PDB file of all heavy atoms in Angstrom:
ATOM      1  N   ALA A   1       0.819  -1.241   0.026  1.00  0.00           N
ATOM      2  CA  ALA A   1       0.011  -0.023  -0.014  1.00  0.00           C
ATOM      3  C   ALA A   1       0.895   1.259  -0.045  1.00  0.00           C
ATOM      4  O   ALA A   1       2.024   1.262   0.589  1.00  0.00           O
ATOM      5  CB  ALA A   1      -0.940  -0.038   1.198  1.00  0.00           C
ATOM      6  N   LEU A   2       0.459   2.294  -0.612  1.00  0.00           N
ATOM      7  CA  LEU A   2       1.148   3.553  -0.527  1.00  0.00           C
ATOM      8  C   LEU A   2       0.754   4.323   0.656  1.00  0.00           C
ATOM      9  O   LEU A   2       0.039   5.366   0.632  1.00  0.00           O
ATOM     10  CB  LEU A   2       0.846   4.351  -1.840  1.00  0.00           C
ATOM     11  CG  LEU A   2       1.892   5.561  -2.148  1.00  0.00           C
ATOM     12  CD1 LEU A   2       3.272   5.076  -2.227  1.00  0.00           C
ATOM     13  CD2 LEU A   2       1.423   6.411  -3.300  1.00  0.00           C
ATOM     14  N   GLY A   3       1.226   3.835   1.823  1.00  0.00           N
ATOM     15  CA  GLY A   3       1.042   4.514   3.095  1.00  0.00           C
ATOM     16  C   GLY A   3       2.295   4.740   3.792  1.00  0.00           C
ATOM     17  O   GLY A   3       3.335   4.226   3.425  1.00  0.00           O
ATOM     18  N   VAL A   4       2.254   5.582   4.786  1.00  0.00           N
ATOM     19  CA  VAL A   4       3.435   5.923   5.585  1.00  0.00           C
ATOM     20  C   VAL A   4       4.077   4.646   6.248  1.00  0.00           C
ATOM     21  O   VAL A   4       3.288   4.014   6.993  1.00  0.00           O
ATOM     22  CB  VAL A   4       3.186   7.046   6.574  1.00  0.00           C
ATOM     23  CG1 VAL A   4       4.376   7.265   7.470  1.00  0.00           C
ATOM     24  CG2 VAL A   4       2.669   8.305   5.869  1.00  0.00           C
ATOM     25  N   LEU A   5       5.295   4.299   5.899  1.00  0.00           N
ATOM     26  CA  LEU A   5       5.978   3.228   6.496  1.00  0.00           C
ATOM     27  C   LEU A   5       5.175   1.917   6.361  1.00  0.00           C
ATOM     28  O   LEU A   5       5.203   1.030   7.238  1.00  0.00           O
ATOM     29  CB  LEU A   5       6.269   3.509   7.987  1.00  0.00           C
ATOM     30  CG  LEU A   5       7.306   4.621   8.230  1.00  0.00           C
ATOM     31  CD1 LEU A   5       7.245   5.124   9.704  1.00  0.00           C
ATOM     32  CD2 LEU A   5       8.687   4.162   7.895  1.00  0.00           C
ATOM     33  N   SER A   6       4.479   1.727   5.247  1.00  0.00           N
ATOM     34  CA  SER A   6       3.640   0.568   5.015  1.00  0.00           C
ATOM     35  C   SER A   6       4.505  -0.728   4.984  1.00  0.00           C
ATOM     36  O   SER A   6       5.582  -0.736   4.377  1.00  0.00           O
ATOM     37  CB  SER A   6       2.795   0.701   3.801  1.00  0.00           C
ATOM     38  OG  SER A   6       3.711   0.937   2.638  1.00  0.00           O
ATOM     39  N   HIS A   7       4.016  -1.764   5.662  1.00  0.00           N
ATOM     40  CA  HIS A   7       4.608  -3.058   5.581  1.00  0.00           C
ATOM     41  C   HIS A   7       3.612  -4.058   6.296  1.00  0.00           C
ATOM     42  O   HIS A   7       2.672  -3.588   6.914  1.00  0.00           O
ATOM     43  CB  HIS A   7       5.971  -3.171   6.192  1.00  0.00           C
ATOM     44  CG  HIS A   7       5.984  -2.853   7.735  1.00  0.00           C
ATOM     45  ND1 HIS A   7       5.880  -1.594   8.256  1.00  0.00           N
ATOM     46  CD2 HIS A   7       6.040  -3.723   8.767  1.00  0.00           C
ATOM     47  CE1 HIS A   7       5.846  -1.651   9.565  1.00  0.00           C
ATOM     48  NE2 HIS A   7       5.984  -2.932   9.937  1.00  0.00           N
ATOM     49  N   SER A   8       3.999  -5.301   6.303  1.00  0.00           N
ATOM     50  CA  SER A   8       3.178  -6.257   7.022  1.00  0.00           C
ATOM     51  C   SER A   8       4.115  -7.088   7.937  1.00  0.00           C
ATOM     52  O   SER A   8       4.823  -7.985   7.520  1.00  0.00           O
ATOM     53  CB  SER A   8       2.388  -7.243   6.074  1.00  0.00           C
ATOM     54  OG  SER A   8       1.453  -6.581   5.292  1.00  0.00           O
ATOM     55  N   PHE A   9       4.122  -6.648   9.180  1.00  0.00           N
ATOM     56  CA  PHE A   9       4.834  -7.327  10.298  1.00  0.00           C
ATOM     57  C   PHE A   9       6.383  -7.299  10.166  1.00  0.00           C
ATOM     58  O   PHE A   9       7.030  -7.088  11.165  1.00  0.00           O
ATOM     59  CB  PHE A   9       4.331  -8.712  10.436  1.00  0.00           C
ATOM     60  CG  PHE A   9       2.924  -8.881  10.899  1.00  0.00           C
ATOM     61  CD1 PHE A   9       1.904  -9.056  10.007  1.00  0.00           C
ATOM     62  CD2 PHE A   9       2.587  -8.796  12.235  1.00  0.00           C
ATOM     63  CE1 PHE A   9       0.588  -9.170  10.482  1.00  0.00           C
ATOM     64  CE2 PHE A   9       1.270  -8.860  12.668  1.00  0.00           C
ATOM     65  CZ  PHE A   9       0.273  -9.067  11.758  1.00  0.00           C
ATOM     66  N   MET A  10       6.931  -7.690   8.998  1.00  0.00           N
ATOM     67  CA  MET A  10       8.388  -7.882   8.918  1.00  0.00           C
ATOM     68  C   MET A  10       9.016  -7.080   7.797  1.00  0.00           C
ATOM     69  O   MET A  10       9.894  -7.537   7.050  1.00  0.00           O
ATOM     70  CB  MET A  10       8.728  -9.397   8.737  1.00  0.00           C
ATOM     71  CG  MET A  10       8.471 -10.281   9.943  1.00  0.00           C
ATOM     72  SD  MET A  10       9.161 -11.907   9.749  1.00  0.00           S
ATOM     73  CE  MET A  10      10.898 -11.549   9.785  1.00  0.00           C
ATOM     74  N   GLY A  11       8.652  -5.823   7.700  1.00  0.00           N
ATOM     75  CA  GLY A  11       9.239  -5.013   6.606  1.00  0.00           C
ATOM     76  C   GLY A  11       9.028  -5.610   5.240  1.00  0.00           C
ATOM     77  O   GLY A  11       8.008  -6.101   5.004  1.00  0.00           O
ATOM     78  N   HIS A  12      10.101  -5.744   4.402  1.00  0.00           N
ATOM     79  CA  HIS A  12       9.832  -6.282   3.078  1.00  0.00           C
ATOM     80  C   HIS A  12      10.049  -7.827   3.069  1.00  0.00           C
ATOM     81  O   HIS A  12       9.872  -8.382   1.962  1.00  0.00           O
ATOM     82  CB  HIS A  12      10.741  -5.536   2.123  1.00  0.00           C
ATOM     83  CG  HIS A  12      12.172  -5.843   2.209  1.00  0.00           C
ATOM     84  ND1 HIS A  12      13.061  -5.130   2.968  1.00  0.00           N
ATOM     85  CD2 HIS A  12      13.024  -6.859   1.723  1.00  0.00           C
ATOM     86  CE1 HIS A  12      14.295  -5.566   2.875  1.00  0.00           C
ATOM     87  NE2 HIS A  12      14.273  -6.644   2.137  1.00  0.00           N
ATOM     88  N   GLU A  13      10.342  -8.448   4.170  1.00  0.00           N
ATOM     89  CA  GLU A  13      10.450  -9.874   4.123  1.00  0.00           C
ATOM     90  C   GLU A  13       9.080 -10.570   3.790  1.00  0.00           C
ATOM     91  O   GLU A  13       9.052 -11.579   3.140  1.00  0.00           O
ATOM     92  CB  GLU A  13      11.019 -10.433   5.445  1.00  0.00           C
ATOM     93  CG  GLU A  13      11.211 -11.953   5.469  1.00  0.00           C
ATOM     94  CD  GLU A  13      12.049 -12.454   4.313  1.00  0.00           C
ATOM     95  OE1 GLU A  13      13.056 -11.850   3.910  1.00  0.00           O
ATOM     96  OE2 GLU A  13      11.614 -13.466   3.708  1.00  0.00           O
ATOM     97  N   ILE A  14       8.009  -9.966   4.289  1.00  0.00           N
ATOM     98  CA  ILE A  14       6.709 -10.448   3.936  1.00  0.00           C
ATOM     99  C   ILE A  14       6.142  -9.552   2.805  1.00  0.00           C
ATOM    100  O   ILE A  14       5.947  -8.386   2.976  1.00  0.00           O
ATOM    101  CB  ILE A  14       5.750 -10.369   5.185  1.00  0.00           C
ATOM    102  CG1 ILE A  14       6.180 -11.394   6.223  1.00  0.00           C
ATOM    103  CG2 ILE A  14       4.282 -10.657   4.694  1.00  0.00           C
ATOM    104  CD1 ILE A  14       5.296 -11.405   7.472  1.00  0.00           C
ATOM    105  N   GLU A  15       5.928 -10.230   1.629  1.00  0.00           N
ATOM    106  CA  GLU A  15       5.466  -9.460   0.476  1.00  0.00           C
ATOM    107  C   GLU A  15       3.972  -9.310   0.414  1.00  0.00           C
ATOM    108  O   GLU A  15       3.471  -8.273   0.057  1.00  0.00           O
ATOM    109  CB  GLU A  15       6.031 -10.079  -0.819  1.00  0.00           C
ATOM    110  CG  GLU A  15       7.525  -9.971  -0.975  1.00  0.00           C
ATOM    111  CD  GLU A  15       7.972 -10.336  -2.343  1.00  0.00           C
ATOM    112  OE1 GLU A  15       7.204 -10.906  -3.178  1.00  0.00           O
ATOM    113  OE2 GLU A  15       9.152 -10.005  -2.674  1.00  0.00           O
ATOM    114  N   ASP A  16       3.273 -10.405   0.758  1.00  0.00           N
ATOM    115  CA  ASP A  16       1.807 -10.368   0.717  1.00  0.00           C
ATOM    116  C   ASP A  16       1.256 -11.355   1.744  1.00  0.00           C
ATOM    117  O   ASP A  16       1.920 -12.334   2.084  1.00  0.00           O
ATOM    118  CB  ASP A  16       1.294 -10.772  -0.698  1.00  0.00           C
ATOM    119  CG  ASP A  16       1.503  -9.787  -1.709  1.00  0.00           C
ATOM    120  OD1 ASP A  16       0.870  -8.638  -1.614  1.00  0.00           O
ATOM    121  OD2 ASP A  16       2.324  -9.990  -2.670  1.00  0.00           O
ATOM    122  N   MET A  17       0.063 -11.019   2.212  1.00  0.00           N
ATOM    123  CA  MET A  17      -0.631 -11.961   3.108  1.00  0.00           C
ATOM    124  C   MET A  17      -2.126 -11.979   2.689  1.00  0.00           C
ATOM    125  O   MET A  17      -2.664 -10.999   2.243  1.00  0.00           O
ATOM    126  CB  MET A  17      -0.512 -11.487   4.572  1.00  0.00           C
ATOM    127  CG  MET A  17       0.873 -11.470   5.144  1.00  0.00           C
ATOM    128  SD  MET A  17       0.926 -10.743   6.758  1.00  0.00           S
ATOM    129  CE  MET A  17      -0.143 -11.892   7.727  1.00  0.00           C
ATOM    130  N   TRP A  18      -2.753 -13.096   2.988  1.00  0.00           N
ATOM    131  CA  TRP A  18      -4.177 -13.219   2.713  1.00  0.00           C
ATOM    132  C   TRP A  18      -4.808 -14.003   3.920  1.00  0.00           C
ATOM    133  O   TRP A  18      -4.217 -14.982   4.411  1.00  0.00           O
ATOM    134  CB  TRP A  18      -4.432 -13.998   1.436  1.00  0.00           C
ATOM    135  CG  TRP A  18      -3.919 -13.368   0.180  1.00  0.00           C
ATOM    136  CD1 TRP A  18      -4.553 -12.560  -0.652  1.00  0.00           C
ATOM    137  CD2 TRP A  18      -2.619 -13.565  -0.345  1.00  0.00           C
ATOM    138  NE1 TRP A  18      -3.759 -12.224  -1.718  1.00  0.00           N
ATOM    139  CE2 TRP A  18      -2.562 -12.794  -1.518  1.00  0.00           C
ATOM    140  CE3 TRP A  18      -1.483 -14.279   0.061  1.00  0.00           C
ATOM    141  CZ2 TRP A  18      -1.439 -12.765  -2.284  1.00  0.00           C
ATOM    142  CZ3 TRP A  18      -0.323 -14.216  -0.692  1.00  0.00           C
ATOM    143  CH2 TRP A  18      -0.292 -13.463  -1.895  1.00  0.00           C
ATOM    144  N   LEU A  19      -5.981 -13.554   4.353  1.00  0.00           N
ATOM    145  CA  LEU A  19      -6.747 -14.299   5.309  1.00  0.00           C
ATOM    146  C   LEU A  19      -8.036 -14.713   4.641  1.00  0.00           C
ATOM    147  O   LEU A  19      -8.807 -13.820   4.187  1.00  0.00           O
ATOM    148  CB  LEU A  19      -7.079 -13.480   6.536  1.00  0.00           C
ATOM    149  CG  LEU A  19      -7.818 -14.167   7.667  1.00  0.00           C
ATOM    150  CD1 LEU A  19      -6.955 -15.230   8.274  1.00  0.00           C
ATOM    151  CD2 LEU A  19      -8.180 -13.177   8.764  1.00  0.00           C
ATOM    152  N   ASP A  20      -8.243 -16.059   4.492  1.00  0.00           N
ATOM    153  CA  ASP A  20      -9.346 -16.604   3.734  1.00  0.00           C
ATOM    154  C   ASP A  20      -9.506 -15.974   2.353  1.00  0.00           C
ATOM    155  O   ASP A  20     -10.570 -15.619   1.871  1.00  0.00           O
ATOM    156  CB  ASP A  20     -10.665 -16.466   4.510  1.00  0.00           C
ATOM    157  CG  ASP A  20     -10.610 -17.160   5.863  1.00  0.00           C
ATOM    158  OD1 ASP A  20      -9.992 -18.213   5.902  1.00  0.00           O
ATOM    159  OD2 ASP A  20     -11.147 -16.629   6.844  1.00  0.00           O
ATOM    160  N   GLY A  21      -8.289 -15.832   1.721  1.00  0.00           N
ATOM    161  CA  GLY A  21      -8.315 -15.248   0.400  1.00  0.00           C
ATOM    162  C   GLY A  21      -8.440 -13.775   0.260  1.00  0.00           C
ATOM    163  O   GLY A  21      -8.313 -13.256  -0.868  1.00  0.00           O
ATOM    164  N   ARG A  22      -8.518 -13.058   1.321  1.00  0.00           N
ATOM    165  CA  ARG A  22      -8.673 -11.632   1.357  1.00  0.00           C
ATOM    166  C   ARG A  22      -7.385 -11.003   1.748  1.00  0.00           C
ATOM    167  O   ARG A  22      -6.752 -11.350   2.704  1.00  0.00           O
ATOM    168  CB  ARG A  22      -9.771 -11.228   2.379  1.00  0.00           C
ATOM    169  CG  ARG A  22     -10.095  -9.764   2.451  1.00  0.00           C
ATOM    170  CD  ARG A  22     -11.226  -9.561   3.395  1.00  0.00           C
ATOM    171  NE  ARG A  22     -11.639  -8.182   3.523  1.00  0.00           N
ATOM    172  CZ  ARG A  22     -12.542  -7.706   4.361  1.00  0.00           C
ATOM    173  NH1 ARG A  22     -13.208  -8.569   5.207  1.00  0.00           N
ATOM    174  NH2 ARG A  22     -12.912  -6.481   4.381  1.00  0.00           N
ATOM    175  N   PRO A  23      -6.850 -10.030   0.909  1.00  0.00           N
ATOM    176  CA  PRO A  23      -5.564  -9.377   1.293  1.00  0.00           C
ATOM    177  C   PRO A  23      -5.661  -8.870   2.728  1.00  0.00           C
ATOM    178  O   PRO A  23      -6.633  -8.196   3.093  1.00  0.00           O
ATOM    179  CB  PRO A  23      -5.456  -8.292   0.247  1.00  0.00           C
ATOM    180  CG  PRO A  23      -6.226  -8.733  -0.934  1.00  0.00           C
ATOM    181  CD  PRO A  23      -7.401  -9.511  -0.279  1.00  0.00           C
ATOM    182  N   VAL A  24      -4.524  -9.063   3.532  1.00  0.00           N
ATOM    183  CA  VAL A  24      -4.584  -8.652   4.858  1.00  0.00           C
ATOM    184  C   VAL A  24      -3.244  -8.196   5.352  1.00  0.00           C
ATOM    185  O   VAL A  24      -2.202  -8.574   4.696  1.00  0.00           O
ATOM    186  CB  VAL A  24      -5.088  -9.875   5.749  1.00  0.00           C
ATOM    187  CG1 VAL A  24      -4.037 -10.955   5.806  1.00  0.00           C
ATOM    188  CG2 VAL A  24      -5.516  -9.399   7.188  1.00  0.00           C
ATOM    189  N   GLY A  25      -3.185  -7.326   6.293  1.00  0.00           N
ATOM    190  CA  GLY A  25      -2.008  -6.900   6.983  1.00  0.00           C
ATOM    191  C   GLY A  25      -2.177  -6.951   8.405  1.00  0.00           C
ATOM    192  O   GLY A  25      -3.026  -7.643   8.992  1.00  0.00           O
ATOM    193  N   GLU A  26      -1.452  -6.073   9.131  1.00  0.00           N
ATOM    194  CA  GLU A  26      -1.562  -6.115  10.607  1.00  0.00           C
ATOM    195  C   GLU A  26      -2.962  -5.634  11.048  1.00  0.00           C
ATOM    196  O   GLU A  26      -3.461  -6.077  12.060  1.00  0.00           O
ATOM    197  CB  GLU A  26      -0.482  -5.166  11.174  1.00  0.00           C
ATOM    198  CG  GLU A  26       0.890  -5.708  10.886  1.00  0.00           C
ATOM    199  CD  GLU A  26       2.027  -4.792  11.241  1.00  0.00           C
ATOM    200  OE1 GLU A  26       1.859  -4.006  12.249  1.00  0.00           O
ATOM    201  OE2 GLU A  26       3.024  -4.758  10.591  1.00  0.00           O
ATOM    202  N   ILE A  27      -3.609  -4.714  10.335  1.00  0.00           N
ATOM    203  CA  ILE A  27      -4.881  -4.185  10.658  1.00  0.00           C
ATOM    204  C   ILE A  27      -5.958  -5.286  10.551  1.00  0.00           C
ATOM    205  O   ILE A  27      -6.666  -5.575  11.543  1.00  0.00           O
ATOM    206  CB  ILE A  27      -5.255  -2.995   9.823  1.00  0.00           C
ATOM    207  CG1 ILE A  27      -4.371  -1.795  10.179  1.00  0.00           C
ATOM    208  CG2 ILE A  27      -6.734  -2.634   9.940  1.00  0.00           C
ATOM    209  CD1 ILE A  27      -4.537  -0.651   9.195  1.00  0.00           C
ATOM    210  N   GLY A  28      -6.034  -5.880   9.432  1.00  0.00           N
ATOM    211  CA  GLY A  28      -7.090  -6.968   9.264  1.00  0.00           C
ATOM    212  C   GLY A  28      -6.892  -8.152  10.130  1.00  0.00           C
ATOM    213  O   GLY A  28      -7.827  -8.765  10.663  1.00  0.00           O
ATOM    214  N   LEU A  29      -5.612  -8.561  10.349  1.00  0.00           N
ATOM    215  CA  LEU A  29      -5.384  -9.746  11.164  1.00  0.00           C
ATOM    216  C   LEU A  29      -5.653  -9.498  12.612  1.00  0.00           C
ATOM    217  O   LEU A  29      -6.204 -10.339  13.318  1.00  0.00           O
ATOM    218  CB  LEU A  29      -3.967 -10.218  10.983  1.00  0.00           C
ATOM    219  CG  LEU A  29      -3.632 -11.666  11.415  1.00  0.00           C
ATOM    220  CD1 LEU A  29      -4.621 -12.677  10.817  1.00  0.00           C
ATOM    221  CD2 LEU A  29      -2.206 -12.005  11.092  1.00  0.00           C
ATOM    222  N   ALA A  30      -5.323  -8.278  13.086  1.00  0.00           N
ATOM    223  CA  ALA A  30      -5.644  -7.918  14.489  1.00  0.00           C
ATOM    224  C   ALA A  30      -7.203  -7.809  14.650  1.00  0.00           C
ATOM    225  O   ALA A  30      -7.681  -8.373  15.661  1.00  0.00           O
ATOM    226  CB  ALA A  30      -5.003  -6.530  14.826  1.00  0.00           C
ATOM    227  N   HIS A  31      -7.861  -7.262  13.661  1.00  0.00           N
ATOM    228  CA  HIS A  31      -9.328  -7.188  13.790  1.00  0.00           C
ATOM    229  C   HIS A  31      -9.984  -8.559  13.860  1.00  0.00           C
ATOM    230  O   HIS A  31     -10.865  -8.885  14.635  1.00  0.00           O
ATOM    231  CB  HIS A  31      -9.870  -6.384  12.604  1.00  0.00           C
ATOM    232  CG  HIS A  31     -11.385  -6.184  12.577  1.00  0.00           C
ATOM    233  ND1 HIS A  31     -12.230  -7.218  12.234  1.00  0.00           N
ATOM    234  CD2 HIS A  31     -12.131  -5.118  12.907  1.00  0.00           C
ATOM    235  CE1 HIS A  31     -13.501  -6.795  12.297  1.00  0.00           C
ATOM    236  NE2 HIS A  31     -13.452  -5.522  12.804  1.00  0.00           N
ATOM    237  N   ALA A  32      -9.475  -9.406  12.937  1.00  0.00           N
ATOM    238  CA  ALA A  32     -10.102 -10.810  12.833  1.00  0.00           C
ATOM    239  C   ALA A  32      -9.787 -11.586  14.162  1.00  0.00           C
ATOM    240  O   ALA A  32     -10.638 -12.289  14.581  1.00  0.00           O
ATOM    241  CB  ALA A  32      -9.551 -11.505  11.654  1.00  0.00           C
ATOM    242  N   THR A  33      -8.645 -11.418  14.688  1.00  0.00           N
ATOM    243  CA  THR A  33      -8.237 -12.153  15.905  1.00  0.00           C
ATOM    244  C   THR A  33      -9.058 -11.662  17.100  1.00  0.00           C
ATOM    245  O   THR A  33      -9.566 -12.371  17.944  1.00  0.00           O
ATOM    246  CB  THR A  33      -6.815 -11.990  16.156  1.00  0.00           C
ATOM    247  OG1 THR A  33      -6.055 -12.515  15.042  1.00  0.00           O
ATOM    248  CG2 THR A  33      -6.366 -12.789  17.398  1.00  0.00           C
ATOM    249  N   ALA A  34      -9.231 -10.326  17.181  1.00  0.00           N
ATOM    250  CA  ALA A  34     -10.034  -9.765  18.287  1.00  0.00           C
ATOM    251  C   ALA A  34     -11.492 -10.241  18.120  1.00  0.00           C
ATOM    252  O   ALA A  34     -12.111 -10.623  19.171  1.00  0.00           O
ATOM    253  CB  ALA A  34      -9.949  -8.213  18.209  1.00  0.00           C
ATOM    254  N   ALA A  35     -11.985 -10.299  16.920  1.00  0.00           N
ATOM    255  CA  ALA A  35     -13.393 -10.739  16.731  1.00  0.00           C
ATOM    256  C   ALA A  35     -13.508 -12.211  17.146  1.00  0.00           C
ATOM    257  O   ALA A  35     -14.557 -12.627  17.738  1.00  0.00           O
ATOM    258  CB  ALA A  35     -13.724 -10.610  15.222  1.00  0.00           C
ATOM    259  N   ALA A  36     -12.474 -13.005  16.881  1.00  0.00           N
ATOM    260  CA  ALA A  36     -12.540 -14.413  17.295  1.00  0.00           C
ATOM    261  C   ALA A  36     -12.597 -14.585  18.822  1.00  0.00           C
ATOM    262  O   ALA A  36     -13.143 -15.509  19.302  1.00  0.00           O
ATOM    263  CB  ALA A  36     -11.291 -15.126  16.725  1.00  0.00           C
ATOM    264  N   LEU A  37     -12.087 -13.550  19.513  1.00  0.00           N
ATOM    265  CA  LEU A  37     -12.169 -13.554  20.988  1.00  0.00           C
ATOM    266  C   LEU A  37     -13.424 -12.890  21.448  1.00  0.00           C
ATOM    267  O   LEU A  37     -13.649 -12.826  22.656  1.00  0.00           O
ATOM    268  CB  LEU A  37     -10.936 -12.816  21.536  1.00  0.00           C
ATOM    269  CG  LEU A  37      -9.608 -13.550  21.349  1.00  0.00           C
ATOM    270  CD1 LEU A  37      -8.398 -12.601  21.612  1.00  0.00           C
ATOM    271  CD2 LEU A  37      -9.484 -14.704  22.265  1.00  0.00           C
ATOM    272  N   GLY A  38     -14.215 -12.395  20.564  1.00  0.00           N
ATOM    273  CA  GLY A  38     -15.479 -11.768  20.962  1.00  0.00           C
ATOM    274  C   GLY A  38     -15.295 -10.290  21.381  1.00  0.00           C
ATOM    275  O   GLY A  38     -16.119  -9.743  22.044  1.00  0.00           O
ATOM    276  N   VAL A  39     -14.214  -9.629  20.936  1.00  0.00           N
ATOM    277  CA  VAL A  39     -13.913  -8.253  21.292  1.00  0.00           C
ATOM    278  C   VAL A  39     -13.969  -7.434  20.067  1.00  0.00           C
ATOM    279  O   VAL A  39     -13.197  -7.651  19.089  1.00  0.00           O
ATOM    280  CB  VAL A  39     -12.509  -8.190  21.882  1.00  0.00           C
ATOM    281  CG1 VAL A  39     -12.227  -6.711  22.303  1.00  0.00           C
ATOM    282  CG2 VAL A  39     -12.355  -9.095  23.106  1.00  0.00           C
ATOM    283  N   PRO A  40     -14.909  -6.375  20.032  1.00  0.00           N
ATOM    284  CA  PRO A  40     -14.900  -5.525  18.847  1.00  0.00           C
ATOM    285  C   PRO A  40     -13.815  -4.501  18.937  1.00  0.00           C
ATOM    286  O   PRO A  40     -13.336  -4.037  19.940  1.00  0.00           O
ATOM    287  CB  PRO A  40     -16.282  -4.760  19.097  1.00  0.00           C
ATOM    288  CG  PRO A  40     -16.534  -4.790  20.583  1.00  0.00           C
ATOM    289  CD  PRO A  40     -15.883  -6.062  21.050  1.00  0.00           C
ATOM    290  N   VAL A  41     -13.237  -4.192  17.726  1.00  0.00           N
ATOM    291  CA  VAL A  41     -12.275  -3.097  17.581  1.00  0.00           C
ATOM    292  C   VAL A  41     -13.161  -1.843  17.441  1.00  0.00           C
ATOM    293  O   VAL A  41     -13.945  -1.670  16.557  1.00  0.00           O
ATOM    294  CB  VAL A  41     -11.401  -3.261  16.381  1.00  0.00           C
ATOM    295  CG1 VAL A  41     -10.504  -1.974  16.151  1.00  0.00           C
ATOM    296  CG2 VAL A  41     -10.527  -4.455  16.542  1.00  0.00           C
TER     297      VAL A  41
END
């Protein structure tokens, strides 16, 4: 993404991530994990 200091967890070592086929980074994975615990972001 063209965002300030954009990356996913490990700088450029992680090029892409998907959760259930959906592009994801730290934001989406944190949200999905919180939801799995029953906690809304």
